[in-house]
PDB file of N, CA and C in Angstrom:
ATOM      1  N   MET A   1      28.643  55.523 -76.954  1.00  0.00           N
ATOM      2  CA  MET A   1      28.222  55.719 -75.587  1.00  0.00           C
ATOM      3  C   MET A   1      28.004  54.393 -74.867  1.00  0.00           C
ATOM      4  N   LYS A   2      27.377  53.413 -75.562  1.00  0.00           N
ATOM      5  CA  LYS A   2      27.158  52.103 -74.947  1.00  0.00           C
ATOM      6  C   LYS A   2      28.481  51.400 -74.682  1.00  0.00           C
ATOM      7  N   ASP A   3      29.464  51.627 -75.562  1.00  0.00           N
ATOM      8  CA  ASP A   3      30.775  51.002 -75.366  1.00  0.00           C
ATOM      9  C   ASP A   3      31.434  51.514 -74.087  1.00  0.00           C
ATOM     10  N   LYS A   4      31.326  52.804 -73.817  1.00  0.00           N
ATOM     11  CA  LYS A   4      31.928  53.375 -72.603  1.00  0.00           C
ATOM     12  C   LYS A   4      31.224  52.844 -71.350  1.00  0.00           C
ATOM     13  N   ILE A   5      29.897  52.717 -71.416  1.00  0.00           N
ATOM     14  CA  ILE A   5      29.161  52.176 -70.270  1.00  0.00           C
ATOM     15  C   ILE A   5      29.532  50.713 -70.045  1.00  0.00           C
ATOM     16  N   ASN A   6      29.650  49.936 -71.119  1.00  0.00           N
ATOM     17  CA  ASN A   6      30.052  48.524 -70.985  1.00  0.00           C
ATOM     18  C   ASN A   6      31.460  48.410 -70.431  1.00  0.00           C
ATOM     19  N   GLN A   7      32.373  49.283 -70.898  1.00  0.00           N
ATOM     20  CA  GLN A   7      33.739  49.266 -70.383  1.00  0.00           C
ATOM     21  C   GLN A   7      33.759  49.632 -68.896  1.00  0.00           C
ATOM     22  N   LEU A   8      32.943  50.603 -68.499  1.00  0.00           N
ATOM     23  CA  LEU A   8      32.869  51.005 -67.094  1.00  0.00           C
ATOM     24  C   LEU A   8      32.321  49.863 -66.233  1.00  0.00           C
ATOM     25  N   ILE A   9      31.310  49.186 -66.718  1.00  0.00           N
ATOM     26  CA  ILE A   9      30.735  48.052 -65.974  1.00  0.00           C
ATOM     27  C   ILE A   9      31.756  46.939 -65.832  1.00  0.00           C
ATOM     28  N   ILE A  10      32.469  46.620 -66.903  1.00  0.00           N
ATOM     29  CA  ILE A  10      33.502  45.572 -66.841  1.00  0.00           C
ATOM     30  C   ILE A  10      34.615  45.987 -65.886  1.00  0.00           C
ATOM     31  N   PHE A  11      35.021  47.264 -65.959  1.00  0.00           N
ATOM     32  CA  PHE A  11      36.063  47.745 -65.053  1.00  0.00           C
ATOM     33  C   PHE A  11      35.633  47.631 -63.592  1.00  0.00           C
ATOM     34  N   LEU A  12      34.415  48.031 -63.290  1.00  0.00           N
ATOM     35  CA  LEU A  12      33.917  47.950 -61.919  1.00  0.00           C
ATOM     36  C   LEU A  12      33.798  46.507 -61.439  1.00  0.00           C
ATOM     37  N   LEU A  13      33.373  45.598 -62.321  1.00  0.00           N
ATOM     38  CA  LEU A  13      33.297  44.184 -61.957  1.00  0.00           C
ATOM     39  C   LEU A  13      34.685  43.619 -61.676  1.00  0.00           C
ATOM     40  N   LEU A  14      35.648  43.945 -62.529  1.00  0.00           N
ATOM     41  CA  LEU A  14      37.018  43.476 -62.299  1.00  0.00           C
ATOM     42  C   LEU A  14      37.589  44.044 -60.997  1.00  0.00           C
ATOM     43  N   LEU A  15      37.333  45.317 -60.756  1.00  0.00           N
ATOM     44  CA  LEU A  15      37.811  45.950 -59.520  1.00  0.00           C
ATOM     45  C   LEU A  15      37.195  45.284 -58.296  1.00  0.00           C
ATOM     46  N   THR A  16      35.918  44.950 -58.372  1.00  0.00           N
ATOM     47  CA  THR A  16      35.244  44.270 -57.266  1.00  0.00           C
ATOM     48  C   THR A  16      35.818  42.883 -57.040  1.00  0.00           C
ATOM     49  N   VAL A  17      36.032  42.129 -58.106  1.00  0.00           N
ATOM     50  CA  VAL A  17      36.593  40.774 -57.988  1.00  0.00           C
ATOM     51  C   VAL A  17      38.002  40.826 -57.412  1.00  0.00           C
ATOM     52  N   ILE A  18      38.816  41.768 -57.876  1.00  0.00           N
ATOM     53  CA  ILE A  18      40.181  41.899 -57.353  1.00  0.00           C
ATOM     54  C   ILE A  18      40.151  42.298 -55.880  1.00  0.00           C
ATOM     55  N   GLY A  19      39.264  43.216 -55.523  1.00  0.00           N
ATOM     56  CA  GLY A  19      39.156  43.641 -54.126  1.00  0.00           C
ATOM     57  C   GLY A  19      38.723  42.512 -53.214  1.00  0.00           C
ATOM     58  N   LEU A  20      37.726  41.747 -53.632  1.00  0.00           N
ATOM     59  CA  LEU A  20      37.278  40.619 -52.813  1.00  0.00           C
ATOM     60  C   LEU A  20      38.334  39.530 -52.742  1.00  0.00           C
ATOM     61  N   GLY A  21      39.003  39.284 -53.839  1.00  0.00           N
ATOM     62  CA  GLY A  21      40.051  38.256 -53.852  1.00  0.00           C
ATOM     63  C   GLY A  21      41.236  38.622 -52.993  1.00  0.00           C
ATOM     64  N   SER A  22      41.636  39.893 -52.984  1.00  0.00           N
ATOM     65  CA  SER A  22      42.780  40.295 -52.171  1.00  0.00           C
ATOM     66  C   SER A  22      42.421  40.326 -50.692  1.00  0.00           C
ATOM     67  N   GLY A  23      41.166  40.543 -50.364  1.00  0.00           N
ATOM     68  CA  GLY A  23      40.744  40.529 -48.966  1.00  0.00           C
ATOM     69  C   GLY A  23      40.785  39.141 -48.367  1.00  0.00           C
ATOM     70  N   CYS A  24      40.658  38.123 -49.193  1.00  0.00           N
ATOM     71  CA  CYS A  24      40.676  36.741 -48.728  1.00  0.00           C
ATOM     72  C   CYS A  24      42.053  36.113 -48.832  1.00  0.00           C
ATOM     73  N   ASN A  25      43.052  36.877 -49.184  1.00  0.00           N
ATOM     74  CA  ASN A  25      44.369  36.338 -49.432  1.00  0.00           C
ATOM     75  C   ASN A  25      45.245  36.423 -48.189  1.00  0.00           C
ATOM     76  N   ARG A  26      44.853  35.776 -47.137  1.00  0.00           N
ATOM     77  CA  ARG A  26      45.649  35.710 -45.919  1.00  0.00           C
ATOM     78  C   ARG A  26      46.520  34.475 -45.977  1.00  0.00           C
ATOM     79  N   ASN A  27      47.609  34.486 -45.257  1.00  0.00           N
ATOM     80  CA  ASN A  27      48.537  33.362 -45.265  1.00  0.00           C
ATOM     81  C   ASN A  27      47.814  32.108 -44.780  1.00  0.00           C
ATOM     82  N   GLN A  28      47.649  31.145 -45.640  1.00  0.00           N
ATOM     83  CA  GLN A  28      46.877  29.946 -45.336  1.00  0.00           C
ATOM     84  C   GLN A  28      47.676  28.918 -44.536  1.00  0.00           C
ATOM     85  N   ASN A  29      48.962  29.134 -44.338  1.00  0.00           N
ATOM     86  CA  ASN A  29      49.799  28.166 -43.629  1.00  0.00           C
ATOM     87  C   ASN A  29      49.713  28.311 -42.115  1.00  0.00           C
ATOM     88  N   GLN A  30      49.098  29.371 -41.635  1.00  0.00           N
ATOM     89  CA  GLN A  30      48.986  29.557 -40.196  1.00  0.00           C
ATOM     90  C   GLN A  30      47.888  28.674 -39.646  1.00  0.00           C
ATOM     91  N   SER A  31      48.012  28.307 -38.404  1.00  0.00           N
ATOM     92  CA  SER A  31      47.039  27.416 -37.782  1.00  0.00           C
ATOM     93  C   SER A  31      45.851  28.165 -37.200  1.00  0.00           C
ATOM     94  N   GLY A  32      45.659  29.409 -37.572  1.00  0.00           N
ATOM     95  CA  GLY A  32      44.506  30.159 -37.097  1.00  0.00           C
ATOM     96  C   GLY A  32      44.862  31.197 -36.050  1.00  0.00           C
ATOM     97  N   GLU A  33      46.000  31.062 -35.398  1.00  0.00           N
ATOM     98  CA  GLU A  33      46.406  32.024 -34.392  1.00  0.00           C
ATOM     99  C   GLU A  33      47.732  32.640 -34.798  1.00  0.00           C
ATOM    100  N   ASP A  34      47.867  33.934 -34.586  1.00  0.00           N
ATOM    101  CA  ASP A  34      49.073  34.654 -34.950  1.00  0.00           C
ATOM    102  C   ASP A  34      49.900  34.864 -33.689  1.00  0.00           C
ATOM    103  N   HIS A  35      51.011  34.140 -33.574  1.00  0.00           N
ATOM    104  CA  HIS A  35      51.827  34.186 -32.365  1.00  0.00           C
ATOM    105  C   HIS A  35      53.058  35.074 -32.536  1.00  0.00           C
ATOM    106  N   GLU A  36      53.186  35.776 -33.656  1.00  0.00           N
ATOM    107  CA  GLU A  36      54.387  36.560 -33.894  1.00  0.00           C
ATOM    108  C   GLU A  36      54.467  37.801 -33.013  1.00  0.00           C
ATOM    109  N   ASP A  37      53.337  38.381 -32.633  1.00  0.00           N
ATOM    110  CA  ASP A  37      53.332  39.638 -31.906  1.00  0.00           C
ATOM    111  C   ASP A  37      53.289  39.457 -30.387  1.00  0.00           C
ATOM    112  N   LEU A  38      53.448  38.233 -29.898  1.00  0.00           N
ATOM    113  CA  LEU A  38      53.378  38.003 -28.462  1.00  0.00           C
ATOM    114  C   LEU A  38      54.642  38.487 -27.780  1.00  0.00           C
ATOM    115  N   SER A  39      54.467  39.125 -26.675  1.00  0.00           N
ATOM    116  CA  SER A  39      55.581  39.554 -25.853  1.00  0.00           C
ATOM    117  C   SER A  39      55.513  38.745 -24.565  1.00  0.00           C
ATOM    118  N   ILE A  40      56.389  37.769 -24.433  1.00  0.00           N
ATOM    119  CA  ILE A  40      56.358  36.848 -23.299  1.00  0.00           C
ATOM    120  C   ILE A  40      57.503  37.198 -22.354  1.00  0.00           C
ATOM    121  N   SER A  41      57.183  37.297 -21.086  1.00  0.00           N
ATOM    122  CA  SER A  41      58.216  37.523 -20.087  1.00  0.00           C
ATOM    123  C   SER A  41      57.994  36.551 -18.930  1.00  0.00           C
ATOM    124  N   GLN A  42      59.075  36.052 -18.381  1.00  0.00           N
ATOM    125  CA  GLN A  42      58.983  35.104 -17.286  1.00  0.00           C
ATOM    126  C   GLN A  42      58.749  35.854 -15.987  1.00  0.00           C
ATOM    127  N   VAL A  43      57.797  35.377 -15.216  1.00  0.00           N
ATOM    128  CA  VAL A  43      57.472  35.988 -13.940  1.00  0.00           C
ATOM    129  C   VAL A  43      57.892  35.013 -12.844  1.00  0.00           C
ATOM    130  N   HIS A  44      58.558  35.511 -11.842  1.00  0.00           N
ATOM    131  CA  HIS A  44      59.051  34.634 -10.782  1.00  0.00           C
ATOM    132  C   HIS A  44      58.889  35.335  -9.435  1.00  0.00           C
ATOM    133  N   THR A  45      58.514  34.565  -8.455  1.00  0.00           N
ATOM    134  CA  THR A  45      58.482  35.059  -7.089  1.00  0.00           C
ATOM    135  C   THR A  45      59.014  33.960  -6.178  1.00  0.00           C
ATOM    136  N   SER A  46      59.653  34.346  -5.139  1.00  0.00           N
ATOM    137  CA  SER A  46      60.218  33.353  -4.229  1.00  0.00           C
ATOM    138  C   SER A  46      59.201  32.855  -3.207  1.00  0.00           C
ATOM    139  N   LYS A  47      58.107  33.597  -3.005  1.00  0.00           N
ATOM    140  CA  LYS A  47      57.086  33.154  -2.061  1.00  0.00           C
ATOM    141  C   LYS A  47      55.797  32.828  -2.811  1.00  0.00           C
ATOM    142  N   SER A  48      55.061  31.881  -2.306  1.00  0.00           N
ATOM    143  CA  SER A  48      53.804  31.510  -2.964  1.00  0.00           C
ATOM    144  C   SER A  48      52.703  32.491  -2.573  1.00  0.00           C
ATOM    145  N   ILE A  49      51.731  32.641  -3.479  1.00  0.00           N
ATOM    146  CA  ILE A  49      50.612  33.555  -3.250  1.00  0.00           C
ATOM    147  C   ILE A  49      49.350  32.723  -3.104  1.00  0.00           C
ATOM    148  N   ASN A  50      48.563  33.015  -2.095  1.00  0.00           N
ATOM    149  CA  ASN A  50      47.322  32.298  -1.841  1.00  0.00           C
ATOM    150  C   ASN A  50      46.364  32.500  -3.020  1.00  0.00           C
ATOM    151  N   GLN A  51      45.913  31.410  -3.618  1.00  0.00           N
ATOM    152  CA  GLN A  51      45.041  31.468  -4.788  1.00  0.00           C
ATOM    153  C   GLN A  51      43.568  31.302  -4.433  1.00  0.00           C
ATOM    154  N   SER A  52      43.189  31.529  -3.185  1.00  0.00           N
ATOM    155  CA  SER A  52      41.789  31.348  -2.791  1.00  0.00           C
ATOM    156  C   SER A  52      40.867  32.350  -3.484  1.00  0.00           C
ATOM    157  N   VAL A  53      41.351  33.553  -3.759  1.00  0.00           N
ATOM    158  CA  VAL A  53      40.537  34.540  -4.472  1.00  0.00           C
ATOM    159  C   VAL A  53      40.235  34.042  -5.880  1.00  0.00           C
ATOM    160  N   ALA A  54      41.244  33.515  -6.566  1.00  0.00           N
ATOM    161  CA  ALA A  54      41.041  32.978  -7.915  1.00  0.00           C
ATOM    162  C   ALA A  54      40.103  31.784  -7.878  1.00  0.00           C
ATOM    163  N   ASN A  55      40.252  30.935  -6.886  1.00  0.00           N
ATOM    164  CA  ASN A  55      39.393  29.758  -6.781  1.00  0.00           C
ATOM    165  C   ASN A  55      37.934  30.147  -6.519  1.00  0.00           C
ATOM    166  N   GLN A  56      37.703  31.159  -5.687  1.00  0.00           N
ATOM    167  CA  GLN A  56      36.337  31.629  -5.438  1.00  0.00           C
ATOM    168  C   GLN A  56      35.725  32.214  -6.701  1.00  0.00           C
ATOM    169  N   ALA A  57      36.507  32.983  -7.448  1.00  0.00           N
ATOM    170  CA  ALA A  57      36.005  33.571  -8.691  1.00  0.00           C
ATOM    171  C   ALA A  57      35.670  32.478  -9.694  1.00  0.00           C
ATOM    172  N   LYS A  58      36.506  31.442  -9.778  1.00  0.00           N
ATOM    173  CA  LYS A  58      36.246  30.336 -10.704  1.00  0.00           C
ATOM    174  C   LYS A  58      34.954  29.616 -10.348  1.00  0.00           C
ATOM    175  N   LYS A  59      34.702  29.424  -9.041  1.00  0.00           N
ATOM    176  CA  LYS A  59      33.471  28.755  -8.612  1.00  0.00           C
ATOM    177  C   LYS A  59      32.234  29.559  -8.998  1.00  0.00           C
ATOM    178  N   LYS A  60      32.321  30.878  -8.893  1.00  0.00           N
ATOM    179  CA  LYS A  60      31.173  31.724  -9.260  1.00  0.00           C
ATOM    180  C   LYS A  60      30.946  31.736 -10.768  1.00  0.00           C
ATOM    181  N   VAL A  61      32.008  31.787 -11.547  1.00  0.00           N
ATOM    182  CA  VAL A  61      31.873  31.894 -13.004  1.00  0.00           C
ATOM    183  C   VAL A  61      31.432  30.572 -13.624  1.00  0.00           C
ATOM    184  N   ILE A  62      31.915  29.447 -13.119  1.00  0.00           N
ATOM    185  CA  ILE A  62      31.605  28.145 -13.716  1.00  0.00           C
ATOM    186  C   ILE A  62      30.129  27.791 -13.568  1.00  0.00           C
ATOM    187  N   THR A  63      29.412  28.456 -12.655  1.00  0.00           N
ATOM    188  CA  THR A  63      27.992  28.164 -12.498  1.00  0.00           C
ATOM    189  C   THR A  63      27.158  28.670 -13.673  1.00  0.00           C
ATOM    190  N   GLU A  64      27.715  29.555 -14.501  1.00  0.00           N
ATOM    191  CA  GLU A  64      27.009  30.040 -15.685  1.00  0.00           C
ATOM    192  C   GLU A  64      26.822  28.894 -16.675  1.00  0.00           C
ATOM    193  N   GLU A  65      25.682  28.858 -17.323  1.00  0.00           N
ATOM    194  CA  GLU A  65      25.326  27.753 -18.212  1.00  0.00           C
ATOM    195  C   GLU A  65      26.219  27.690 -19.456  1.00  0.00           C
ATOM    196  N   ASP A  66      26.611  28.833 -19.999  1.00  0.00           N
ATOM    197  CA  ASP A  66      27.386  28.868 -21.240  1.00  0.00           C
ATOM    198  C   ASP A  66      28.880  28.665 -21.026  1.00  0.00           C
ATOM    199  N   ILE A  67      29.330  28.623 -19.800  1.00  0.00           N
ATOM    200  CA  ILE A  67      30.755  28.485 -19.492  1.00  0.00           C
ATOM    201  C   ILE A  67      31.091  27.014 -19.311  1.00  0.00           C
ATOM    202  N   SER A  68      32.121  26.534 -20.039  1.00  0.00           N
ATOM    203  CA  SER A  68      32.501  25.132 -19.918  1.00  0.00           C
ATOM    204  C   SER A  68      33.813  24.943 -19.160  1.00  0.00           C
ATOM    205  N   ASP A  69      34.679  25.968 -19.121  1.00  0.00           N
ATOM    206  CA  ASP A  69      35.957  25.837 -18.433  1.00  0.00           C
ATOM    207  C   ASP A  69      36.387  27.214 -17.933  1.00  0.00           C
ATOM    208  N   VAL A  70      37.006  27.251 -16.777  1.00  0.00           N
ATOM    209  CA  VAL A  70      37.441  28.511 -16.183  1.00  0.00           C
ATOM    210  C   VAL A  70      38.857  28.345 -15.670  1.00  0.00           C
ATOM    211  N   LYS A  71      39.676  29.349 -15.924  1.00  0.00           N
ATOM    212  CA  LYS A  71      41.030  29.385 -15.381  1.00  0.00           C
ATOM    213  C   LYS A  71      41.284  30.794 -14.884  1.00  0.00           C
ATOM    214  N   ALA A  72      41.905  30.925 -13.744  1.00  0.00           N
ATOM    215  CA  ALA A  72      42.213  32.238 -13.181  1.00  0.00           C
ATOM    216  C   ALA A  72      43.379  32.112 -12.227  1.00  0.00           C
ATOM    217  N   VAL A  73      44.133  33.185 -12.100  1.00  0.00           N
ATOM    218  CA  VAL A  73      45.210  33.289 -11.120  1.00  0.00           C
ATOM    219  C   VAL A  73      45.130  34.676 -10.502  1.00  0.00           C
ATOM    220  N   ASN A  74      45.703  34.816  -9.342  1.00  0.00           N
ATOM    221  CA  ASN A  74      45.712  36.127  -8.736  1.00  0.00           C
ATOM    222  C   ASN A  74      47.087  36.432  -8.166  1.00  0.00           C
ATOM    223  N   THR A  75      47.356  37.753  -8.073  1.00  0.00           N
ATOM    224  CA  THR A  75      48.535  38.236  -7.372  1.00  0.00           C
ATOM    225  C   THR A  75      48.021  38.835  -6.065  1.00  0.00           C
ATOM    226  N   VAL A  76      48.854  39.531  -5.373  1.00  0.00           N
ATOM    227  CA  VAL A  76      48.431  40.154  -4.125  1.00  0.00           C
ATOM    228  C   VAL A  76      47.377  41.219  -4.404  1.00  0.00           C
ATOM    229  N   LYS A  77      47.476  41.919  -5.558  1.00  0.00           N
ATOM    230  CA  LYS A  77      46.586  43.045  -5.845  1.00  0.00           C
ATOM    231  C   LYS A  77      45.597  42.785  -6.978  1.00  0.00           C
ATOM    232  N   GLU A  78      45.834  41.798  -7.870  1.00  0.00           N
ATOM    233  CA  GLU A  78      45.000  41.654  -9.064  1.00  0.00           C
ATOM    234  C   GLU A  78      44.571  40.213  -9.277  1.00  0.00           C
ATOM    235  N   LEU A  79      43.420  40.055  -9.953  1.00  0.00           N
ATOM    236  CA  LEU A  79      42.876  38.763 -10.361  1.00  0.00           C
ATOM    237  C   LEU A  79      42.916  38.705 -11.877  1.00  0.00           C
ATOM    238  N   PHE A  80      43.483  37.641 -12.458  1.00  0.00           N
ATOM    239  CA  PHE A  80      43.624  37.514 -13.901  1.00  0.00           C
ATOM    240  C   PHE A  80      42.862  36.298 -14.395  1.00  0.00           C
ATOM    241  N   PRO A  81      41.800  36.503 -15.188  1.00  0.00           N
ATOM    242  CA  PRO A  81      41.169  35.347 -15.850  1.00  0.00           C
ATOM    243  C   PRO A  81      42.091  34.915 -16.993  1.00  0.00           C
ATOM    244  N   VAL A  82      42.266  33.626 -17.135  1.00  0.00           N
ATOM    245  CA  VAL A  82      43.172  33.114 -18.172  1.00  0.00           C
ATOM    246  C   VAL A  82      42.368  32.438 -19.245  1.00  0.00           C
TER     247      VAL A  82
END
């Protein structure tokens, strides 16, 4: 009976070590960001769009103490924080 309990304990320890080890086995050659799934499309317009809305939003957000840099752009209908 003690042999079966010892075997079960060893099995569970090995299973735990293998599980923890496989969870940490991510590709170490990447620089921290995964760029494979990005879908990039070029956006072009022949007329310029007034960016005053984006500039006003940046001025309001940068006043926050925890914010060190702000980037934003806008279209005719939407504002995009970058």
